[in-house]
Amino acid sequence: MKIRLVGTVEEAETAAALIATVMTILEDSGPRSRRGGGLQIQRYLDVRLTLPPDPARPPRSRQSGTSGSSHGLEDADAVDLSGWG
């Protein structure tokens, strides 16, 4: 997944740190100036959702082709992001 952050260097740093608490940052472009100058920068993050282990469920074995889902996640792996934004 790709995320673009736009704001001041401090805002982008804070946002990236918060994102890192729920996602694994695979690549970080660092701050880049925006067209037209100004104080705002843009920063691109390539991330992967990090799901915490569920102590109530034993670990699943990964067997290819056994899931009927094309995205590889079970319903129980869904993350509620409705409170964001």
C-alpha atoms as a PDB file:
ATOM      1  CA  MET A   1       0.000   0.000   0.000  1.00  0.00           C
ATOM      2  CA  LYS A   2       1.264   3.522  -0.695  1.00  0.00           C
ATOM      3  CA  ILE A   3       0.615   6.518   1.527  1.00  0.00           C
ATOM      4  CA  ARG A   4       1.421  10.122   0.629  1.00  0.00           C
ATOM      5  CA  LEU A   5       1.908  12.521   3.514  1.00  0.00           C
ATOM      6  CA  VAL A   6       1.650  16.265   2.856  1.00  0.00           C
ATOM      7  CA  GLY A   7       2.447  18.811   5.557  1.00  0.00           C
ATOM      8  CA  THR A   8       5.369  20.303   7.421  1.00  0.00           C
ATOM      9  CA  VAL A   9       8.447  18.175   8.076  1.00  0.00           C
ATOM     10  CA  GLU A  10       7.377  17.860  11.730  1.00  0.00           C
ATOM     11  CA  GLU A  11       3.818  16.822  10.812  1.00  0.00           C
ATOM     12  CA  ALA A  12       5.046  14.211   8.346  1.00  0.00           C
ATOM     13  CA  GLU A  13       7.526  12.828  10.907  1.00  0.00           C
ATOM     14  CA  THR A  14       4.787  12.533  13.550  1.00  0.00           C
ATOM     15  CA  ALA A  15       2.360  10.932  11.079  1.00  0.00           C
ATOM     16  CA  ALA A  16       4.996   8.430   9.897  1.00  0.00           C
ATOM     17  CA  ALA A  17       5.750   7.469  13.515  1.00  0.00           C
ATOM     18  CA  LEU A  18       2.034   6.915  14.216  1.00  0.00           C
ATOM     19  CA  ILE A  19       1.575   4.902  11.024  1.00  0.00           C
ATOM     20  CA  ALA A  20       4.549   2.733  12.048  1.00  0.00           C
ATOM     21  CA  THR A  21       2.604   1.640  15.164  1.00  0.00           C
ATOM     22  CA  VAL A  22      -0.013  -0.157  13.041  1.00  0.00           C
ATOM     23  CA  MET A  23       1.793  -0.775   9.757  1.00  0.00           C
ATOM     24  CA  THR A  24       5.203  -1.980   8.676  1.00  0.00           C
ATOM     25  CA  ILE A  25       7.006   0.712   6.686  1.00  0.00           C
ATOM     26  CA  LEU A  26       8.737  -1.034   3.798  1.00  0.00           C
ATOM     27  CA  GLU A  27      10.094   2.091   2.114  1.00  0.00           C
ATOM     28  CA  ASP A  28      10.207   5.764   3.056  1.00  0.00           C
ATOM     29  CA  SER A  29      11.068   8.448   0.504  1.00  0.00           C
ATOM     30  CA  GLY A  30      11.920  11.006   3.164  1.00  0.00           C
ATOM     31  CA  PRO A  31      10.766  14.615   2.872  1.00  0.00           C
ATOM     32  CA  ARG A  32      10.584  16.070  -0.638  1.00  0.00           C
ATOM     33  CA  SER A  33       9.810  19.671  -1.558  1.00  0.00           C
ATOM     34  CA  ARG A  34       6.500  20.361  -3.175  1.00  0.00           C
ATOM     35  CA  ARG A  35       6.101  22.286  -6.399  1.00  0.00           C
ATOM     36  CA  GLY A  36       5.696  25.963  -5.684  1.00  0.00           C
ATOM     37  CA  GLY A  37       7.921  25.845  -2.601  1.00  0.00           C
ATOM     38  CA  GLY A  38       6.472  26.843   0.732  1.00  0.00           C
ATOM     39  CA  LEU A  39       6.814  25.119   4.079  1.00  0.00           C
ATOM     40  CA  GLN A  40       4.952  21.950   3.138  1.00  0.00           C
ATOM     41  CA  ILE A  41       6.700  18.812   1.941  1.00  0.00           C
ATOM     42  CA  GLN A  42       5.478  15.490   0.658  1.00  0.00           C
ATOM     43  CA  ARG A  43       6.665  12.116   1.873  1.00  0.00           C
ATOM     44  CA  TYR A  44       5.774   8.738   0.400  1.00  0.00           C
ATOM     45  CA  LEU A  45       5.524   5.545   2.440  1.00  0.00           C
ATOM     46  CA  ASP A  46       5.200   2.003   1.104  1.00  0.00           C
ATOM     47  CA  VAL A  47       3.557   0.054   3.928  1.00  0.00           C
ATOM     48  CA  ARG A  48       2.115  -3.320   4.837  1.00  0.00           C
ATOM     49  CA  LEU A  49      -0.628  -3.714   7.432  1.00  0.00           C
ATOM     50  CA  THR A  50       0.738  -5.306  10.593  1.00  0.00           C
ATOM     51  CA  LEU A  51      -1.854  -7.437  12.359  1.00  0.00           C
ATOM     52  CA  PRO A  52      -1.223  -8.130  16.040  1.00  0.00           C
ATOM     53  CA  PRO A  53      -1.415 -11.802  17.062  1.00  0.00           C
ATOM     54  CA  ASP A  54      -4.763 -12.798  18.535  1.00  0.00           C
ATOM     55  CA  PRO A  55      -4.102 -14.749  21.768  1.00  0.00           C
ATOM     56  CA  ALA A  56      -7.523 -16.407  21.494  1.00  0.00           C
ATOM     57  CA  ARG A  57      -6.651 -18.021  18.133  1.00  0.00           C
ATOM     58  CA  PRO A  58      -3.911 -20.555  17.532  1.00  0.00           C
ATOM     59  CA  PRO A  59      -1.551 -19.667  14.659  1.00  0.00           C
ATOM     60  CA  ARG A  60      -2.775 -20.826  11.245  1.00  0.00           C
ATOM     61  CA  SER A  61      -0.643 -22.802   8.896  1.00  0.00           C
ATOM     62  CA  ARG A  62      -0.196 -21.129   5.525  1.00  0.00           C
ATOM     63  CA  GLN A  63      -1.305 -23.488   2.784  1.00  0.00           C
ATOM     64  CA  SER A  64      -1.464 -22.111  -0.712  1.00  0.00           C
ATOM     65  CA  GLY A  65      -4.730 -22.404  -2.533  1.00  0.00           C
ATOM     66  CA  THR A  66      -6.852 -23.332   0.484  1.00  0.00           C
ATOM     67  CA  SER A  67      -8.352 -19.921   1.102  1.00  0.00           C
ATOM     68  CA  GLY A  68     -11.322 -18.963  -1.034  1.00  0.00           C
ATOM     69  CA  SER A  69     -10.301 -15.341  -0.661  1.00  0.00           C
ATOM     70  CA  SER A  70      -8.298 -13.533  -3.314  1.00  0.00           C
ATOM     71  CA  HIS A  71      -6.718 -11.139  -0.803  1.00  0.00           C
ATOM     72  CA  GLY A  72      -5.386 -13.770   1.604  1.00  0.00           C
ATOM     73  CA  LEU A  73      -7.069 -12.421   4.749  1.00  0.00           C
ATOM     74  CA  GLU A  74      -9.754 -14.174   6.724  1.00  0.00           C
ATOM     75  CA  ASP A  75     -12.730 -12.160   8.027  1.00  0.00           C
ATOM     76  CA  ALA A  76     -11.249 -12.333  11.534  1.00  0.00           C
ATOM     77  CA  ASP A  77      -8.106 -10.570  10.235  1.00  0.00           C
ATOM     78  CA  ALA A  78     -10.054  -7.478   9.194  1.00  0.00           C
ATOM     79  CA  VAL A  79      -8.971  -4.266  10.900  1.00  0.00           C
ATOM     80  CA  ASP A  80     -11.513  -1.581  11.784  1.00  0.00           C
ATOM     81  CA  LEU A  81     -10.144   1.731  10.506  1.00  0.00           C
ATOM     82  CA  SER A  82     -13.485   3.556  10.712  1.00  0.00           C
ATOM     83  CA  GLY A  83     -12.223   5.771  13.556  1.00  0.00           C
ATOM     84  CA  TRP A  84      -9.414   7.143  11.376  1.00  0.00           C
ATOM     85  CA  GLY A  85      -9.994  10.416   9.601  1.00  0.00           C
END
